[in-house]
Amino acid sequence: AINADGSYTLRIDSQWRPPFLMYAEGWVNNKHLRLLSCFDLEPGELETNVNTTPATTAIVESAMGATAEEIDPLAVPIPPIDTVEQIQAHVEGTLRELFEVIGLPPDFNLFAGVIDEVGSPSDQIFDALSFDTDDNNHVVVADANDGSQQVVVDPNDPIEDVPQAMLDSVSGTNDALTQIRNIMEGYFEMYQGGLRPGLDELNSALRPNLAAGFLNSGYGVEDFITILADSDNSGP
């Protein structure tokens, strides 16, 4: 069963034996996406929490040496769990400072950590960061707003600190995402209340939620609010 917020429950046949490879696929903005995850169960363990996200996908891709689109989940062998866990531990160790920037505990588990409501740090991490693999099957984590700010995770190399420039960049992206959410929440609240806000109302309601360098780009807050007001006045 899949809920509206993306959470799900999955009942496994009692005759199946772990570990398991999981996948989810569909079309988003006319692009086919396949997400991967995998998990094991300890003897006697009957339930567990499993995330299927771009982060788990990149880690499983790295362990399997192929991209999700190249992998036929129904035909390939299950990736070695110890390999997945080694790569996962290296990725999480590398990202511990970025987790803190986004508001997550430094020991957040990408596969099993609970993902909370929209806008929470455990949700926003997948908007603030992008996850992929390179030609060497290494996990690449980048600022979702600036792909030049990235770190390549090689599980055979010692864990290194994320460069300060990337920490600063992701911090700006994370702040911008929070601003956008606050803006749109305020914007829709006005409409739900039956108000069709003009420029003065938008400035009064939205301006306190916006930093001077909106969207981490220096884009003018006043210009953005004016665009919203003009858009509102252009039609119903």
Protein backbone atom coordinates (compact mmCIF):
# COMPACT_ATOMS: atom_id res chain seq x y z
CA ALA A 1 0.00 0.00 0.00
CA ILE A 2 1.37 3.43 -0.99
CA ASN A 3 0.19 6.54 0.85
CA ALA A 4 -0.19 10.03 -0.57
CA ASP A 5 3.02 11.20 1.11
CA GLY A 6 5.04 8.41 -0.52
CA SER A 7 5.27 6.20 2.55
CA TYR A 8 4.41 2.58 1.96
CA THR A 9 3.96 -0.83 3.52
CA LEU A 10 5.08 -4.03 1.84
CA ARG A 11 4.15 -7.53 2.96
CA ILE A 12 6.78 -10.14 2.06
CA ASP A 13 5.93 -13.75 1.34
CA SER A 14 7.01 -15.86 4.30
CA GLN A 15 8.75 -18.29 1.96
CA TRP A 16 11.11 -15.62 0.60
CA ARG A 17 14.52 -15.28 2.18
CA PRO A 18 16.52 -12.05 2.64
CA PRO A 19 18.42 -10.12 1.53
CA PHE A 20 16.12 -8.33 -0.91
CA LEU A 21 16.56 -5.93 -3.82
CA MET A 22 13.73 -3.42 -4.12
CA TYR A 23 12.84 -1.08 -6.94
CA ALA A 24 10.26 1.57 -7.70
CA GLU A 25 9.73 3.09 -11.11
CA GLY A 26 7.49 5.48 -12.97
CA TRP A 27 7.38 8.64 -15.05
CA VAL A 28 8.16 12.09 -13.63
CA ASN A 29 8.03 15.14 -15.92
CA ASN A 30 8.11 12.84 -18.96
CA LYS A 31 11.27 11.13 -17.69
CA HIS A 32 11.37 7.49 -16.67
CA LEU A 33 12.86 6.97 -13.23
CA ARG A 34 13.86 3.77 -11.45
CA LEU A 35 14.86 3.88 -7.80
CA LEU A 36 16.65 1.03 -6.04
CA SER A 37 17.16 -0.10 -2.48
CA CYS A 38 18.04 -3.30 -0.69
CA PHE A 39 17.83 -4.65 2.82
CA ASP A 40 18.48 -7.65 5.00
CA LEU A 41 16.57 -9.01 7.97
CA GLU A 42 18.14 -10.40 11.10
CA PRO A 43 16.97 -13.83 12.29
CA GLY A 44 13.56 -13.38 13.88
CA GLU A 45 13.21 -9.78 12.61
CA LEU A 46 9.73 -9.39 11.14
CA GLU A 47 9.64 -5.76 10.03
CA THR A 48 11.97 -2.92 9.22
CA ASN A 49 11.99 0.57 7.70
CA VAL A 50 13.47 0.79 4.19
CA ASN A 51 13.92 3.97 2.16
CA THR A 52 13.93 3.96 -1.64
CA THR A 53 15.50 7.29 -2.67
CA PRO A 54 18.11 8.75 -5.03
CA ALA A 55 20.67 8.14 -2.27
CA THR A 56 19.90 4.45 -1.84
CA THR A 57 19.76 4.14 -5.63
CA ALA A 58 23.26 5.56 -6.11
CA ILE A 59 24.68 3.31 -3.38
CA VAL A 60 23.09 0.17 -4.86
CA GLU A 61 24.20 1.22 -8.36
CA SER A 62 27.75 1.58 -7.06
CA ALA A 63 27.61 -1.87 -5.46
CA MET A 64 26.23 -3.46 -8.63
CA GLY A 65 28.47 -1.58 -11.07
CA ALA A 66 25.59 -0.44 -13.28
CA THR A 67 23.00 2.30 -13.45
CA ALA A 68 19.41 1.71 -12.35
CA GLU A 69 18.19 1.97 -15.92
CA GLU A 70 20.67 -0.72 -16.98
CA ILE A 71 19.62 -3.06 -14.20
CA ASP A 72 16.70 -5.42 -14.66
CA PRO A 73 15.66 -5.88 -11.02
CA LEU A 74 13.78 -9.08 -11.85
CA ALA A 75 16.76 -10.75 -13.49
CA VAL A 76 19.92 -9.66 -11.67
CA PRO A 77 21.40 -11.23 -8.54
CA ILE A 78 21.00 -9.44 -5.22
CA PRO A 79 24.02 -7.19 -4.60
CA PRO A 80 26.29 -8.41 -1.79
CA ILE A 81 24.91 -6.80 1.36
CA ASP A 82 28.39 -6.34 2.83
CA THR A 83 29.41 -4.34 -0.26
CA VAL A 84 26.29 -2.19 -0.04
CA GLU A 85 26.89 -1.57 3.66
CA GLN A 86 30.55 -0.68 3.06
CA ILE A 87 29.62 1.91 0.43
CA GLN A 88 26.74 3.20 2.56
CA ALA A 89 29.01 3.67 5.57
CA HIS A 90 31.56 5.52 3.46
CA VAL A 91 28.92 7.81 1.93
CA GLU A 92 27.35 8.57 5.31
CA GLY A 93 30.76 9.15 6.87
CA THR A 94 31.67 11.59 4.11
CA LEU A 95 28.35 13.45 4.40
CA ARG A 96 28.22 13.80 8.19
CA GLU A 97 28.98 17.55 8.00
CA LEU A 98 26.43 18.04 5.22
CA PHE A 99 23.84 16.21 7.30
CA GLU A 100 24.38 18.74 10.08
CA VAL A 101 24.14 21.67 7.63
CA ILE A 102 20.74 20.38 6.51
CA GLY A 103 19.65 19.71 10.09
CA LEU A 104 20.05 15.94 10.27
CA PRO A 105 21.94 14.05 12.98
CA PRO A 106 25.45 13.18 11.73
CA ASP A 107 24.68 9.46 12.06
CA PHE A 108 21.54 9.59 9.87
CA ASN A 109 20.99 6.24 8.13
CA LEU A 110 20.17 6.75 4.44
CA PHE A 111 18.56 3.32 4.13
CA ALA A 112 16.68 3.03 7.41
CA GLY A 113 16.34 6.55 8.84
CA VAL A 114 12.73 7.70 9.08
CA ILE A 115 11.80 10.34 6.50
CA ASP A 116 9.43 12.82 8.11
CA GLU A 117 6.92 15.29 6.68
CA VAL A 118 7.57 17.51 3.66
CA GLY A 119 10.10 20.21 4.47
CA SER A 120 11.69 18.32 7.35
CA PRO A 121 15.49 17.83 7.13
CA SER A 122 15.04 14.13 6.33
CA ASP A 123 12.83 15.11 3.38
CA GLN A 124 14.67 18.23 2.27
CA ILE A 125 18.02 16.45 1.96
CA PHE A 126 16.79 14.95 -1.33
CA ASP A 127 16.02 18.43 -2.66
CA ALA A 128 19.23 20.02 -1.38
CA LEU A 129 21.54 17.24 -2.59
CA SER A 130 21.69 15.18 -5.78
CA PHE A 131 23.01 11.62 -5.81
CA ASP A 132 24.52 9.87 -8.82
CA THR A 133 27.40 7.59 -9.86
CA ASP A 134 30.34 8.32 -12.13
CA ASP A 135 32.06 6.19 -14.78
CA ASN A 136 34.04 4.44 -12.03
CA ASN A 137 30.82 3.47 -10.21
CA HIS A 138 31.64 5.83 -7.36
CA VAL A 139 28.81 7.69 -5.63
CA VAL A 140 28.79 11.41 -6.50
CA VAL A 141 26.96 13.80 -4.17
CA ALA A 142 26.42 17.37 -5.36
CA ASP A 143 24.65 20.55 -4.37
CA ALA A 144 21.33 20.24 -6.20
CA ASN A 145 21.49 23.95 -7.06
CA ASP A 146 25.16 23.96 -8.15
CA GLY A 147 26.49 20.73 -9.60
CA SER A 148 30.05 22.06 -9.60
CA GLN A 149 30.01 21.73 -5.80
CA GLN A 150 30.33 17.97 -5.40
CA VAL A 151 32.19 15.21 -3.65
CA VAL A 152 33.10 11.81 -5.12
CA VAL A 153 32.97 8.98 -2.59
CA ASP A 154 35.52 6.24 -3.21
CA PRO A 155 35.04 3.47 -0.62
CA ASN A 156 38.68 2.45 -1.12
CA ASP A 157 40.00 5.85 -0.01
CA PRO A 158 39.98 7.33 3.50
CA ILE A 159 36.98 9.47 4.39
CA GLU A 160 37.77 13.13 3.77
CA ASP A 161 36.04 16.26 4.97
CA VAL A 162 33.67 17.91 2.52
CA PRO A 163 35.24 21.16 1.22
CA GLN A 164 34.06 24.28 3.00
CA ALA A 165 32.91 25.77 -0.31
CA MET A 166 30.46 22.90 -0.74
CA LEU A 167 29.23 23.18 2.85
CA ASP A 168 28.57 26.89 2.28
CA SER A 169 26.87 26.24 -1.06
CA VAL A 170 24.57 23.50 0.28
CA SER A 171 23.74 25.68 3.28
CA GLY A 172 22.57 28.39 0.86
CA THR A 173 20.55 25.91 -1.16
CA ASN A 174 18.95 24.50 1.98
CA ASP A 175 18.02 28.00 3.17
CA ALA A 176 16.56 28.82 -0.25
CA LEU A 177 14.41 25.70 -0.23
CA THR A 178 13.08 26.65 3.20
CA GLN A 179 12.30 30.13 1.90
CA ILE A 180 10.45 28.74 -1.11
CA ARG A 181 8.35 26.49 1.10
CA ASN A 182 7.52 29.37 3.44
CA ILE A 183 6.60 31.58 0.50
CA MET A 184 4.30 29.07 -1.13
CA GLU A 185 2.66 28.11 2.15
CA GLY A 186 1.90 31.76 2.81
CA TYR A 187 0.80 32.32 -0.78
CA PHE A 188 -1.68 29.42 -0.75
CA GLU A 189 -3.00 30.32 2.68
CA MET A 190 -4.02 33.70 1.26
CA TYR A 191 -5.86 32.03 -1.60
CA GLN A 192 -7.50 29.47 0.63
CA GLY A 193 -8.79 32.35 2.73
CA GLY A 194 -10.43 33.82 -0.35
CA LEU A 195 -7.91 36.67 -0.69
CA ARG A 196 -6.50 37.59 -4.09
CA PRO A 197 -3.39 39.38 -2.89
CA GLY A 198 -1.94 42.41 -4.57
CA LEU A 199 1.56 43.80 -4.23
CA ASP A 200 1.03 45.39 -0.81
CA GLU A 201 -0.50 42.24 0.68
CA LEU A 202 2.29 40.05 -0.74
CA ASN A 203 4.99 42.33 0.60
CA SER A 204 3.37 42.29 4.02
CA ALA A 205 2.85 38.52 4.15
CA LEU A 206 5.86 37.14 2.29
CA ARG A 207 8.69 39.64 2.69
CA PRO A 208 9.59 38.57 6.28
CA ASN A 209 10.25 35.02 5.02
CA LEU A 210 12.76 36.07 2.36
CA ALA A 211 16.46 36.69 2.78
CA ALA A 212 18.13 39.49 0.85
CA GLY A 213 19.96 37.03 -1.41
CA PHE A 214 16.90 35.01 -2.32
CA LEU A 215 17.59 31.58 -3.85
CA ASN A 216 21.29 31.88 -3.05
CA SER A 217 21.75 33.91 -6.22
CA GLY A 218 21.22 37.51 -5.16
CA TYR A 219 17.95 37.57 -7.08
CA GLY A 220 15.90 40.54 -5.95
CA VAL A 221 13.19 39.73 -3.43
CA GLU A 222 11.15 42.72 -4.49
CA ASP A 223 11.32 41.60 -8.13
CA PHE A 224 10.10 38.13 -7.16
CA ILE A 225 7.16 39.49 -5.19
CA THR A 226 6.28 41.81 -8.07
CA ILE A 227 6.22 38.83 -10.43
CA LEU A 228 3.83 37.02 -8.09
CA ALA A 229 1.58 40.07 -7.92
CA ASP A 230 1.58 40.54 -11.71
CA SER A 231 0.88 36.85 -12.20
CA ASP A 232 -2.04 37.08 -9.83
CA ASN A 233 -3.51 40.04 -11.69
CA SER A 234 -3.18 38.40 -15.12
CA GLY A 235 -6.07 36.00 -14.68
CA PRO A 236 -8.34 34.11 -12.30
